[in-house]
PDB file of N, CA and C in Angstrom:
ATOM      1  N   MET A   1     107.546 104.838 106.632  1.00  0.00           N
ATOM      2  CA  MET A   1     108.702 104.877 105.726  1.00  0.00           C
ATOM      3  C   MET A   1     108.825 106.310 105.175  1.00  0.00           C
ATOM      4  N   THR A   2     110.011 106.847 105.264  1.00  0.00           N
ATOM      5  CA  THR A   2     110.269 108.182 104.743  1.00  0.00           C
ATOM      6  C   THR A   2     110.378 108.177 103.230  1.00  0.00           C
ATOM      7  N   SER A   3     110.252 109.345 102.616  1.00  0.00           N
ATOM      8  CA  SER A   3     110.366 109.434 101.157  1.00  0.00           C
ATOM      9  C   SER A   3     111.780 108.972 100.711  1.00  0.00           C
ATOM     10  N   GLU A   4     112.780 109.273 101.541  1.00  0.00           N
ATOM     11  CA  GLU A   4     114.115 108.868 101.180  1.00  0.00           C
ATOM     12  C   GLU A   4     114.265 107.357 101.195  1.00  0.00           C
ATOM     13  N   GLU A   5     113.693 106.750 102.190  1.00  0.00           N
ATOM     14  CA  GLU A   5     113.731 105.249 102.339  1.00  0.00           C
ATOM     15  C   GLU A   5     113.010 104.607 101.161  1.00  0.00           C
ATOM     16  N   LEU A   6     111.853 105.163 100.775  1.00  0.00           N
ATOM     17  CA  LEU A   6     111.125 104.623  99.615  1.00  0.00           C
ATOM     18  C   LEU A   6     111.916 104.816  98.362  1.00  0.00           C
ATOM     19  N   GLU A   7     112.508 105.993  98.172  1.00  0.00           N
ATOM     20  CA  GLU A   7     113.297 106.212  97.011  1.00  0.00           C
ATOM     21  C   GLU A   7     114.469 105.243  96.905  1.00  0.00           C
ATOM     22  N   ASN A   8     115.113 104.981  98.027  1.00  0.00           N
ATOM     23  CA  ASN A   8     116.205 104.002  98.065  1.00  0.00           C
ATOM     24  C   ASN A   8     115.688 102.590  97.704  1.00  0.00           C
ATOM     25  N   ARG A   9     114.540 102.292  98.178  1.00  0.00           N
ATOM     26  CA  ARG A   9     113.939 100.976  97.889  1.00  0.00           C
ATOM     27  C   ARG A   9     113.642 100.848  96.406  1.00  0.00           C
ATOM     28  N   LEU A  10     113.157 101.915  95.797  1.00  0.00           N
ATOM     29  CA  LEU A  10     112.875 101.931  94.346  1.00  0.00           C
ATOM     30  C   LEU A  10     114.151 101.809  93.539  1.00  0.00           C
ATOM     31  N   ILE A  11     115.185 102.478  93.976  1.00  0.00           N
ATOM     32  CA  ILE A  11     116.472 102.366  93.317  1.00  0.00           C
ATOM     33  C   ILE A  11     116.986 100.941  93.431  1.00  0.00           C
ATOM     34  N   ASP A  12     116.889 100.350  94.611  1.00  0.00           N
ATOM     35  CA  ASP A  12     117.299  98.951  94.767  1.00  0.00           C
ATOM     36  C   ASP A  12     116.522  98.029  93.890  1.00  0.00           C
ATOM     37  N   PHE A  13     115.214  98.290  93.723  1.00  0.00           N
ATOM     38  CA  PHE A  13     114.363  97.470  92.832  1.00  0.00           C
ATOM     39  C   PHE A  13     114.864  97.589  91.408  1.00  0.00           C
ATOM     40  N   ALA A  14     115.114  98.800  90.954  1.00  0.00           N
ATOM     41  CA  ALA A  14     115.583  99.030  89.575  1.00  0.00           C
ATOM     42  C   ALA A  14     116.915  98.328  89.353  1.00  0.00           C
ATOM     43  N   VAL A  15     117.844  98.470  90.291  1.00  0.00           N
ATOM     44  CA  VAL A  15     119.152  97.877  90.153  1.00  0.00           C
ATOM     45  C   VAL A  15     119.007  96.341  90.103  1.00  0.00           C
ATOM     46  N   SER A  16     118.178  95.798  90.966  1.00  0.00           N
ATOM     47  CA  SER A  16     117.957  94.365  90.992  1.00  0.00           C
ATOM     48  C   SER A  16     117.356  93.842  89.671  1.00  0.00           C
ATOM     49  N   CYS A  17     116.459  94.613  89.091  1.00  0.00           N
ATOM     50  CA  CYS A  17     115.920  94.241  87.782  1.00  0.00           C
ATOM     51  C   CYS A  17     116.977  94.286  86.713  1.00  0.00           C
ATOM     52  N   ILE A  18     117.794  95.316  86.715  1.00  0.00           N
ATOM     53  CA  ILE A  18     118.907  95.401  85.761  1.00  0.00           C
ATOM     54  C   ILE A  18     119.809  94.168  85.888  1.00  0.00           C
ATOM     55  N   LYS A  19     120.190  93.861  87.102  1.00  0.00           N
ATOM     56  CA  LYS A  19     121.065  92.675  87.366  1.00  0.00           C
ATOM     57  C   LYS A  19     120.395  91.386  86.927  1.00  0.00           C
ATOM     58  N   ALA A  20     119.101  91.277  87.144  1.00  0.00           N
ATOM     59  CA  ALA A  20     118.359  90.075  86.743  1.00  0.00           C
ATOM     60  C   ALA A  20     118.404  89.875  85.240  1.00  0.00           C
ATOM     61  N   THR A  21     118.380  90.954  84.478  1.00  0.00           N
ATOM     62  CA  THR A  21     118.393  90.819  83.008  1.00  0.00           C
ATOM     63  C   THR A  21     119.700  90.315  82.473  1.00  0.00           C
ATOM     64  N   LYS A  22     120.747  90.380  83.266  1.00  0.00           N
ATOM     65  CA  LYS A  22     122.040  89.844  82.876  1.00  0.00           C
ATOM     66  C   LYS A  22     122.041  88.333  82.817  1.00  0.00           C
ATOM     67  N   HIS A  23     121.009  87.729  83.399  1.00  0.00           N
ATOM     68  CA  HIS A  23     120.887  86.257  83.463  1.00  0.00           C
ATOM     69  C   HIS A  23     119.748  85.747  82.607  1.00  0.00           C
ATOM     70  N   SER A  24     119.628  86.408  81.435  1.00  0.00           N
ATOM     71  CA  SER A  24     118.534  85.984  80.517  1.00  0.00           C
ATOM     72  C   SER A  24     119.112  84.963  79.482  1.00  0.00           C
ATOM     73  N   ASP A  25     118.188  84.360  78.772  1.00  0.00           N
ATOM     74  CA  ASP A  25     118.605  83.318  77.792  1.00  0.00           C
ATOM     75  C   ASP A  25     119.037  83.876  76.428  1.00  0.00           C
ATOM     76  N   GLN A  26     119.038  85.190  76.281  1.00  0.00           N
ATOM     77  CA  GLN A  26     119.485  85.874  75.091  1.00  0.00           C
ATOM     78  C   GLN A  26     118.630  85.658  73.842  1.00  0.00           C
ATOM     79  N   SER A  27     117.452  85.094  73.983  1.00  0.00           N
ATOM     80  CA  SER A  27     116.524  84.961  72.867  1.00  0.00           C
ATOM     81  C   SER A  27     115.980  86.337  72.472  1.00  0.00           C
ATOM     82  N   PHE A  28     115.339  86.446  71.325  1.00  0.00           N
ATOM     83  CA  PHE A  28     114.732  87.723  70.950  1.00  0.00           C
ATOM     84  C   PHE A  28     113.678  88.159  71.986  1.00  0.00           C
ATOM     85  N   ALA A  29     112.844  87.220  72.418  1.00  0.00           N
ATOM     86  CA  ALA A  29     111.794  87.542  73.390  1.00  0.00           C
ATOM     87  C   ALA A  29     112.420  88.038  74.682  1.00  0.00           C
ATOM     88  N   SER A  30     113.477  87.377  75.110  1.00  0.00           N
ATOM     89  CA  SER A  30     114.090  87.761  76.380  1.00  0.00           C
ATOM     90  C   SER A  30     114.722  89.137  76.245  1.00  0.00           C
ATOM     91  N   GLN A  31     115.429  89.388  75.140  1.00  0.00           N
ATOM     92  CA  GLN A  31     116.055  90.712  74.949  1.00  0.00           C
ATOM     93  C   GLN A  31     114.991  91.806  74.912  1.00  0.00           C
ATOM     94  N   HIS A  32     113.895  91.547  74.211  1.00  0.00           N
ATOM     95  CA  HIS A  32     112.813  92.481  74.146  1.00  0.00           C
ATOM     96  C   HIS A  32     112.198  92.798  75.506  1.00  0.00           C
ATOM     97  N   LEU A  33     111.894  91.734  76.239  1.00  0.00           N
ATOM     98  CA  LEU A  33     111.258  91.930  77.561  1.00  0.00           C
ATOM     99  C   LEU A  33     112.284  92.525  78.571  1.00  0.00           C
ATOM    100  N   CYS A  34     113.523  92.134  78.503  1.00  0.00           N
ATOM    101  CA  CYS A  34     114.498  92.657  79.408  1.00  0.00           C
ATOM    102  C   CYS A  34     114.746  94.155  79.205  1.00  0.00           C
ATOM    103  N   SER A  35     114.718  94.555  77.930  1.00  0.00           N
ATOM    104  CA  SER A  35     114.891  95.982  77.609  1.00  0.00           C
ATOM    105  C   SER A  35     113.676  96.765  78.177  1.00  0.00           C
ATOM    106  N   GLN A  36     112.477  96.225  78.016  1.00  0.00           N
ATOM    107  CA  GLN A  36     111.312  96.899  78.529  1.00  0.00           C
ATOM    108  C   GLN A  36     111.268  96.918  80.040  1.00  0.00           C
ATOM    109  N   LEU A  37     111.739  95.834  80.683  1.00  0.00           N
ATOM    110  CA  LEU A  37     111.789  95.779  82.156  1.00  0.00           C
ATOM    111  C   LEU A  37     112.733  96.834  82.680  1.00  0.00           C
ATOM    112  N   ILE A  38     113.866  96.977  82.075  1.00  0.00           N
ATOM    113  CA  ILE A  38     114.818  98.012  82.501  1.00  0.00           C
ATOM    114  C   ILE A  38     114.161  99.402  82.410  1.00  0.00           C
ATOM    115  N   ARG A  39     113.432  99.648  81.338  1.00  0.00           N
ATOM    116  CA  ARG A  39     112.796 100.987  81.174  1.00  0.00           C
ATOM    117  C   ARG A  39     111.717 101.187  82.221  1.00  0.00           C
ATOM    118  N   SER A  40     110.872 100.190  82.434  1.00  0.00           N
ATOM    119  CA  SER A  40     109.744 100.408  83.414  1.00  0.00           C
ATOM    120  C   SER A  40     110.256 100.455  84.846  1.00  0.00           C
ATOM    121  N   ALA A  41     111.202  99.556  85.200  1.00  0.00           N
ATOM    122  CA  ALA A  41     111.661  99.530  86.581  1.00  0.00           C
ATOM    123  C   ALA A  41     112.461 100.774  86.963  1.00  0.00           C
ATOM    124  N   THR A  42     113.274 101.274  86.022  1.00  0.00           N
ATOM    125  CA  THR A  42     114.023 102.508  86.305  1.00  0.00           C
ATOM    126  C   THR A  42     113.112 103.722  86.308  1.00  0.00           C
ATOM    127  N   SER A  43     112.078 103.668  85.483  1.00  0.00           N
ATOM    128  CA  SER A  43     111.105 104.774  85.386  1.00  0.00           C
ATOM    129  C   SER A  43     110.447 105.047  86.763  1.00  0.00           C
ATOM    130  N   VAL A  44     110.198 103.978  87.497  1.00  0.00           N
ATOM    131  CA  VAL A  44     109.515 104.176  88.802  1.00  0.00           C
ATOM    132  C   VAL A  44     110.348 105.062  89.710  1.00  0.00           C
ATOM    133  N   ALA A  45     111.647 104.708  89.838  1.00  0.00           N
ATOM    134  CA  ALA A  45     112.548 105.509  90.705  1.00  0.00           C
ATOM    135  C   ALA A  45     112.674 106.917  90.215  1.00  0.00           C
ATOM    136  N   LEU A  46     112.825 107.103  88.895  1.00  0.00           N
ATOM    137  CA  LEU A  46     112.985 108.420  88.326  1.00  0.00           C
ATOM    138  C   LEU A  46     111.741 109.257  88.507  1.00  0.00           C
ATOM    139  N   ASN A  47     110.587 108.674  88.265  1.00  0.00           N
ATOM    140  CA  ASN A  47     109.309 109.438  88.433  1.00  0.00           C
ATOM    141  C   ASN A  47     109.021 109.729  89.881  1.00  0.00           C
ATOM    142  N   TYR A  48     109.440 108.823  90.766  1.00  0.00           N
ATOM    143  CA  TYR A  48     109.206 109.095  92.213  1.00  0.00           C
ATOM    144  C   TYR A  48     110.014 110.291  92.649  1.00  0.00           C
ATOM    145  N   SER A  49     111.232 110.431  92.166  1.00  0.00           N
ATOM    146  CA  SER A  49     112.031 111.617  92.543  1.00  0.00           C
ATOM    147  C   SER A  49     111.382 112.890  92.027  1.00  0.00           C
ATOM    148  N   GLU A  50     110.680 112.772  90.892  1.00  0.00           N
ATOM    149  CA  GLU A  50     109.886 113.921  90.416  1.00  0.00           C
ATOM    150  C   GLU A  50     108.678 114.184  91.299  1.00  0.00           C
ATOM    151  N   ALA A  51     108.045 113.109  91.767  1.00  0.00           N
ATOM    152  CA  ALA A  51     106.877 113.291  92.605  1.00  0.00           C
ATOM    153  C   ALA A  51     107.195 113.984  93.924  1.00  0.00           C
ATOM    154  N   ILE A  52     108.389 113.645  94.477  1.00  0.00           N
ATOM    155  CA  ILE A  52     108.828 114.293  95.684  1.00  0.00           C
ATOM    156  C   ILE A  52     108.926 115.793  95.541  1.00  0.00           C
ATOM    157  N   ALA A  53     109.273 116.217  94.353  1.00  0.00           N
ATOM    158  CA  ALA A  53     109.453 117.675  94.058  1.00  0.00           C
ATOM    159  C   ALA A  53     108.222 118.253  93.374  1.00  0.00           C
ATOM    160  N   ALA A  54     107.079 117.593  93.438  1.00  0.00           N
ATOM    161  CA  ALA A  54     105.893 118.060  92.759  1.00  0.00           C
ATOM    162  C   ALA A  54     105.526 119.463  93.149  1.00  0.00           C
ATOM    163  N   GLN A  55     104.889 120.166  92.211  1.00  0.00           N
ATOM    164  CA  GLN A  55     104.517 121.562  92.439  1.00  0.00           C
ATOM    165  C   GLN A  55     103.164 121.747  93.113  1.00  0.00           C
ATOM    166  N   SER A  56     102.356 120.677  93.116  1.00  0.00           N
ATOM    167  CA  SER A  56     101.030 120.757  93.689  1.00  0.00           C
ATOM    168  C   SER A  56     100.603 119.311  94.071  1.00  0.00           C
ATOM    169  N   ALA A  57      99.494 119.274  94.777  1.00  0.00           N
ATOM    170  CA  ALA A  57      98.921 117.937  95.154  1.00  0.00           C
ATOM    171  C   ALA A  57      98.544 117.134  93.908  1.00  0.00           C
ATOM    172  N   ARG A  58      97.945 117.846  92.949  1.00  0.00           N
ATOM    173  CA  ARG A  58      97.538 117.163  91.684  1.00  0.00           C
ATOM    174  C   ARG A  58      98.765 116.636  90.938  1.00  0.00           C
ATOM    175  N   ASP A  59      99.823 117.432  90.897  1.00  0.00           N
ATOM    176  CA  ASP A  59     101.031 117.043  90.228  1.00  0.00           C
ATOM    177  C   ASP A  59     101.669 115.792  90.942  1.00  0.00           C
ATOM    178  N   TYR A  60     101.659 115.831  92.269  1.00  0.00           N
ATOM    179  CA  TYR A  60     102.174 114.719  93.064  1.00  0.00           C
ATOM    180  C   TYR A  60     101.391 113.453  92.754  1.00  0.00           C
ATOM    181  N   ILE A  61     100.072 113.520  92.813  1.00  0.00           N
ATOM    182  CA  ILE A  61      99.249 112.369  92.553  1.00  0.00           C
ATOM    183  C   ILE A  61      99.445 111.819  91.131  1.00  0.00           C
ATOM    184  N   HIS A  62      99.517 112.728  90.193  1.00  0.00           N
ATOM    185  CA  HIS A  62      99.755 112.328  88.794  1.00  0.00           C
ATOM    186  C   HIS A  62     101.065 111.544  88.655  1.00  0.00           C
ATOM    187  N   LYS A  63     102.121 112.032  89.216  1.00  0.00           N
ATOM    188  CA  LYS A  63     103.411 111.397  89.150  1.00  0.00           C
ATOM    189  C   LYS A  63     103.440 110.066  89.876  1.00  0.00           C
ATOM    190  N   MET A  64     102.750 109.993  90.984  1.00  0.00           N
ATOM    191  CA  MET A  64     102.603 108.754  91.759  1.00  0.00           C
ATOM    192  C   MET A  64     101.807 107.716  90.959  1.00  0.00           C
ATOM    193  N   GLN A  65     100.808 108.158  90.215  1.00  0.00           N
ATOM    194  CA  GLN A  65     100.043 107.246  89.394  1.00  0.00           C
ATOM    195  C   GLN A  65     100.881 106.696  88.231  1.00  0.00           C
ATOM    196  N   ILE A  66     101.788 107.524  87.712  1.00  0.00           N
ATOM    197  CA  ILE A  66     102.728 107.020  86.673  1.00  0.00           C
ATOM    198  C   ILE A  66     103.630 105.944  87.278  1.00  0.00           C
ATOM    199  N   CYS A  67     104.105 106.202  88.499  1.00  0.00           N
ATOM    200  CA  CYS A  67     104.923 105.219  89.169  1.00  0.00           C
ATOM    201  C   CYS A  67     104.166 103.911  89.349  1.00  0.00           C
ATOM    202  N   LEU A  68     102.927 104.008  89.754  1.00  0.00           N
ATOM    203  CA  LEU A  68     102.097 102.789  89.933  1.00  0.00           C
ATOM    204  C   LEU A  68     101.921 102.040  88.651  1.00  0.00           C
ATOM    205  N   LYS A  69     101.686 102.733  87.541  1.00  0.00           N
ATOM    206  CA  LYS A  69     101.532 102.074  86.241  1.00  0.00           C
ATOM    207  C   LYS A  69     102.827 101.356  85.851  1.00  0.00           C
ATOM    208  N   GLU A  70     103.940 101.999  86.064  1.00  0.00           N
ATOM    209  CA  GLU A  70     105.245 101.414  85.702  1.00  0.00           C
ATOM    210  C   GLU A  70     105.563 100.210  86.613  1.00  0.00           C
ATOM    211  N   LEU A  71     105.139 100.261  87.882  1.00  0.00           N
ATOM    212  CA  LEU A  71     105.343  99.106  88.773  1.00  0.00           C
ATOM    213  C   LEU A  71     104.479  97.921  88.290  1.00  0.00           C
ATOM    214  N   ARG A  72     103.242  98.181  87.905  1.00  0.00           N
ATOM    215  CA  ARG A  72     102.386  97.118  87.409  1.00  0.00           C
ATOM    216  C   ARG A  72     102.968  96.501  86.117  1.00  0.00           C
ATOM    217  N   GLU A  73     103.495  97.361  85.240  1.00  0.00           N
ATOM    218  CA  GLU A  73     104.111  96.894  84.024  1.00  0.00           C
ATOM    219  C   GLU A  73     105.336  96.006  84.355  1.00  0.00           C
ATOM    220  N   SER A  74     106.156  96.464  85.291  1.00  0.00           N
ATOM    221  CA  SER A  74     107.342  95.692  85.668  1.00  0.00           C
ATOM    222  C   SER A  74     106.933  94.337  86.216  1.00  0.00           C
ATOM    223  N   LYS A  75     105.906  94.316  87.068  1.00  0.00           N
ATOM    224  CA  LYS A  75     105.452  93.065  87.682  1.00  0.00           C
ATOM    225  C   LYS A  75     104.972  92.101  86.592  1.00  0.00           C
ATOM    226  N   THR A  76     104.162  92.600  85.673  1.00  0.00           N
ATOM    227  CA  THR A  76     103.667  91.735  84.606  1.00  0.00           C
ATOM    228  C   THR A  76     104.784  91.238  83.743  1.00  0.00           C
ATOM    229  N   ASN A  77     105.748  92.087  83.424  1.00  0.00           N
ATOM    230  CA  ASN A  77     106.933  91.681  82.684  1.00  0.00           C
ATOM    231  C   ASN A  77     107.665  90.554  83.381  1.00  0.00           C
ATOM    232  N   LEU A  78     107.905  90.705  84.658  1.00  0.00           N
ATOM    233  CA  LEU A  78     108.592  89.661  85.425  1.00  0.00           C
ATOM    234  C   LEU A  78     107.816  88.358  85.417  1.00  0.00           C
ATOM    235  N   ARG A  79     106.506  88.425  85.548  1.00  0.00           N
ATOM    236  CA  ARG A  79     105.690  87.198  85.522  1.00  0.00           C
ATOM    237  C   ARG A  79     105.758  86.524  84.174  1.00  0.00           C
ATOM    238  N   ILE A  80     105.729  87.308  83.089  1.00  0.00           N
ATOM    239  CA  ILE A  80     105.846  86.729  81.728  1.00  0.00           C
ATOM    240  C   ILE A  80     107.205  86.052  81.569  1.00  0.00           C
ATOM    241  N   GLN A  81     108.259  86.715  81.992  1.00  0.00           N
ATOM    242  CA  GLN A  81     109.573  86.145  81.863  1.00  0.00           C
ATOM    243  C   GLN A  81     109.747  84.846  82.713  1.00  0.00           C
ATOM    244  N   LYS A  82     109.127  84.869  83.896  1.00  0.00           N
ATOM    245  CA  LYS A  82     109.161  83.676  84.725  1.00  0.00           C
ATOM    246  C   LYS A  82     108.398  82.545  84.050  1.00  0.00           C
ATOM    247  N   GLY A  83     107.189  82.822  83.540  1.00  0.00           N
ATOM    248  CA  GLY A  83     106.379  81.824  82.898  1.00  0.00           C
ATOM    249  C   GLY A  83     107.031  81.214  81.666  1.00  0.00           C
ATOM    250  N   ALA A  84     107.757  82.037  80.955  1.00  0.00           N
ATOM    251  CA  ALA A  84     108.430  81.581  79.734  1.00  0.00           C
ATOM    252  C   ALA A  84     109.865  81.099  79.984  1.00  0.00           C
ATOM    253  N   ASN A  85     110.272  81.073  81.230  1.00  0.00           N
ATOM    254  CA  ASN A  85     111.629  80.636  81.628  1.00  0.00           C
ATOM    255  C   ASN A  85     112.728  81.426  80.881  1.00  0.00           C
ATOM    256  N   LEU A  86     112.543  82.734  80.779  1.00  0.00           N
ATOM    257  CA  LEU A  86     113.508  83.570  80.098  1.00  0.00           C
ATOM    258  C   LEU A  86     114.623  84.030  81.006  1.00  0.00           C
ATOM    259  N   LEU A  87     114.331  84.191  82.282  1.00  0.00           N
ATOM    260  CA  LEU A  87     115.374  84.609  83.240  1.00  0.00           C
ATOM    261  C   LEU A  87     115.696  83.387  84.102  1.00  0.00           C
ATOM    262  N   LYS A  88     116.969  83.212  84.351  1.00  0.00           N
ATOM    263  CA  LYS A  88     117.457  81.990  84.941  1.00  0.00           C
ATOM    264  C   LYS A  88     117.391  81.895  86.458  1.00  0.00           C
ATOM    265  N   GLN A  89     117.584  82.981  87.177  1.00  0.00           N
ATOM    266  CA  GLN A  89     117.622  82.943  88.631  1.00  0.00           C
ATOM    267  C   GLN A  89     116.210  83.104  89.203  1.00  0.00           C
ATOM    268  N   ILE A  90     115.497  82.000  89.295  1.00  0.00           N
ATOM    269  CA  ILE A  90     114.075  81.967  89.694  1.00  0.00           C
ATOM    270  C   ILE A  90     113.913  82.551  91.099  1.00  0.00           C
ATOM    271  N   GLU A  91     114.770  82.252  92.034  1.00  0.00           N
ATOM    272  CA  GLU A  91     114.644  82.786  93.400  1.00  0.00           C
ATOM    273  C   GLU A  91     114.659  84.321  93.397  1.00  0.00           C
ATOM    274  N   LYS A  92     115.617  84.886  92.651  1.00  0.00           N
ATOM    275  CA  LYS A  92     115.680  86.348  92.577  1.00  0.00           C
ATOM    276  C   LYS A  92     114.466  86.926  91.831  1.00  0.00           C
ATOM    277  N   LEU A  93     113.980  86.179  90.875  1.00  0.00           N
ATOM    278  CA  LEU A  93     112.810  86.600  90.122  1.00  0.00           C
ATOM    279  C   LEU A  93     111.575  86.637  91.053  1.00  0.00           C
ATOM    280  N   ASP A  94     111.411  85.587  91.856  1.00  0.00           N
ATOM    281  CA  ASP A  94     110.298  85.558  92.814  1.00  0.00           C
ATOM    282  C   ASP A  94     110.396  86.711  93.798  1.00  0.00           C
ATOM    283  N   LYS A  95     111.598  87.066  94.251  1.00  0.00           N
ATOM    284  CA  LYS A  95     111.803  88.156  95.183  1.00  0.00           C
ATOM    285  C   LYS A  95     111.409  89.490  94.500  1.00  0.00           C
ATOM    286  N   LEU A  96     111.762  89.646  93.237  1.00  0.00           N
ATOM    287  CA  LEU A  96     111.400  90.863  92.508  1.00  0.00           C
ATOM    288  C   LEU A  96     109.913  90.965  92.302  1.00  0.00           C
ATOM    289  N   ILE A  97     109.260  89.853  92.033  1.00  0.00           N
ATOM    290  CA  ILE A  97     107.803  89.881  91.866  1.00  0.00           C
ATOM    291  C   ILE A  97     107.164  90.257  93.226  1.00  0.00           C
ATOM    292  N   ASP A  98     107.666  89.679  94.300  1.00  0.00           N
ATOM    293  CA  ASP A  98     107.119  90.044  95.627  1.00  0.00           C
ATOM    294  C   ASP A  98     107.382  91.508  95.947  1.00  0.00           C
ATOM    295  N   GLU A  99     108.565  91.980  95.656  1.00  0.00           N
ATOM    296  CA  GLU A  99     108.870  93.400  95.924  1.00  0.00           C
ATOM    297  C   GLU A  99     107.969  94.297  95.087  1.00  0.00           C
ATOM    298  N   SER A 100     107.720  93.924  93.855  1.00  0.00           N
ATOM    299  CA  SER A 100     106.829  94.769  93.026  1.00  0.00           C
ATOM    300  C   SER A 100     105.437  94.793  93.616  1.00  0.00           C
ATOM    301  N   ASN A 101     104.951  93.634  94.126  1.00  0.00           N
ATOM    302  CA  ASN A 101     103.645  93.575  94.777  1.00  0.00           C
ATOM    303  C   ASN A 101     103.611  94.514  95.983  1.00  0.00           C
ATOM    304  N   GLN A 102     104.635  94.474  96.808  1.00  0.00           N
ATOM    305  CA  GLN A 102     104.679  95.322  98.022  1.00  0.00           C
ATOM    306  C   GLN A 102     104.692  96.812  97.628  1.00  0.00           C
ATOM    307  N   LEU A 103     105.513  97.135  96.604  1.00  0.00           N
ATOM    308  CA  LEU A 103     105.572  98.532  96.155  1.00  0.00           C
ATOM    309  C   LEU A 103     104.209  99.000  95.562  1.00  0.00           C
ATOM    310  N   ILE A 104     103.560  98.129  94.835  1.00  0.00           N
ATOM    311  CA  ILE A 104     102.241  98.475  94.282  1.00  0.00           C
ATOM    312  C   ILE A 104     101.290  98.814  95.410  1.00  0.00           C
ATOM    313  N   LEU A 105     101.292  98.024  96.469  1.00  0.00           N
ATOM    314  CA  LEU A 105     100.409  98.301  97.609  1.00  0.00           C
ATOM    315  C   LEU A 105     100.761  99.633  98.262  1.00  0.00           C
ATOM    316  N   ILE A 106     102.051  99.942  98.420  1.00  0.00           N
ATOM    317  CA  ILE A 106     102.480 101.194  98.993  1.00  0.00           C
ATOM    318  C   ILE A 106     101.988 102.383  98.169  1.00  0.00           C
ATOM    319  N   PHE A 107     102.195 102.280  96.818  1.00  0.00           N
ATOM    320  CA  PHE A 107     101.815 103.409  95.974  1.00  0.00           C
ATOM    321  C   PHE A 107     100.293 103.549  95.900  1.00  0.00           C
ATOM    322  N   SER A 108      99.573 102.410  95.844  1.00  0.00           N
ATOM    323  CA  SER A 108      98.112 102.479  95.810  1.00  0.00           C
ATOM    324  C   SER A 108      97.588 103.189  97.047  1.00  0.00           C
ATOM    325  N   LYS A 109      98.106 102.867  98.196  1.00  0.00           N
ATOM    326  CA  LYS A 109      97.665 103.436  99.453  1.00  0.00           C
ATOM    327  C   LYS A 109      98.028 104.926  99.529  1.00  0.00           C
ATOM    328  N   SER A 110      99.257 105.273  99.103  1.00  0.00           N
ATOM    329  CA  SER A 110      99.678 106.633  99.127  1.00  0.00           C
ATOM    330  C   SER A 110      98.812 107.489  98.198  1.00  0.00           C
ATOM    331  N   ILE A 111      98.505 107.009  97.045  1.00  0.00           N
ATOM    332  CA  ILE A 111      97.663 107.753  96.121  1.00  0.00           C
ATOM    333  C   ILE A 111      96.275 107.953  96.679  1.00  0.00           C
ATOM    334  N   SER A 112      95.729 106.881  97.229  1.00  0.00           N
ATOM    335  CA  SER A 112      94.389 106.951  97.834  1.00  0.00           C
ATOM    336  C   SER A 112      94.378 107.957  99.004  1.00  0.00           C
ATOM    337  N   THR A 113      95.377 107.884  99.843  1.00  0.00           N
ATOM    338  CA  THR A 113      95.474 108.817 100.988  1.00  0.00           C
ATOM    339  C   THR A 113      95.586 110.243 100.500  1.00  0.00           C
ATOM    340  N   SER A 114      96.437 110.474  99.527  1.00  0.00           N
ATOM    341  CA  SER A 114      96.629 111.836  98.996  1.00  0.00           C
ATOM    342  C   SER A 114      95.333 112.383  98.375  1.00  0.00           C
ATOM    343  N   LYS A 115      94.604 111.524  97.670  1.00  0.00           N
ATOM    344  CA  LYS A 115      93.356 111.995  97.061  1.00  0.00           C
ATOM    345  C   LYS A 115      92.327 112.352  98.182  1.00  0.00           C
ATOM    346  N   LYS A 116      92.243 111.554  99.202  1.00  0.00           N
ATOM    347  CA  LYS A 116      91.323 111.870 100.315  1.00  0.00           C
ATOM    348  C   LYS A 116      91.751 113.149 101.022  1.00  0.00           C
ATOM    349  N   LYS A 117      93.001 113.264 101.285  1.00  0.00           N
ATOM    350  CA  LYS A 117      93.533 114.425 101.978  1.00  0.00           C
ATOM    351  C   LYS A 117      93.297 115.722 101.208  1.00  0.00           C
ATOM    352  N   ASN A 118      93.387 115.647  99.909  1.00  0.00           N
ATOM    353  CA  ASN A 118      93.236 116.816  99.044  1.00  0.00           C
ATOM    354  C   ASN A 118      91.815 116.889  98.427  1.00  0.00           C
ATOM    355  N   LYS A 119      90.954 115.993  98.876  1.00  0.00           N
ATOM    356  CA  LYS A 119      89.528 115.957  98.424  1.00  0.00           C
ATOM    357  C   LYS A 119      89.423 115.913  96.917  1.00  0.00           C
ATOM    358  N   LEU A 120      90.229 114.997  96.305  1.00  0.00           N
ATOM    359  CA  LEU A 120      90.174 114.782  94.869  1.00  0.00           C
ATOM    360  C   LEU A 120      89.443 113.476  94.583  1.00  0.00           C
ATOM    361  N   LYS A 121      88.811 113.383  93.394  1.00  0.00           N
ATOM    362  CA  LYS A 121      88.065 112.193  93.044  1.00  0.00           C
ATOM    363  C   LYS A 121      89.017 111.068  92.688  1.00  0.00           C
ATOM    364  N   ASN A 122      88.533 109.846  92.959  1.00  0.00           N
ATOM    365  CA  ASN A 122      89.341 108.633  92.564  1.00  0.00           C
ATOM    366  C   ASN A 122      89.190 108.453  91.129  1.00  0.00           C
TER     367      ASN A 122
END
């Protein structure tokens, strides 16, 4: 997968999360979690575009680690909202959780590979 393809996939993930929040139950908990989901899901795409333009291997790895943290946060958020029945479109929610899992694996592997390639500690 090219960096452009991954960036597009991250943008699609962020857009899908934004759209999913439009189908919330409008409770305080839902509004709070939806707001946080939008921040974390969009942060991944934005930080990845920064990682692509990193000034060094360390800078790249650092930005990729931020992306990974934001992906994990997004996944946990989605799982909480699913468990509490805050978002209504369960099929889309399951797809977003699956996509976040796949992206987490991609970022984990990329970080690991970059560290080995640049002989940096885990």
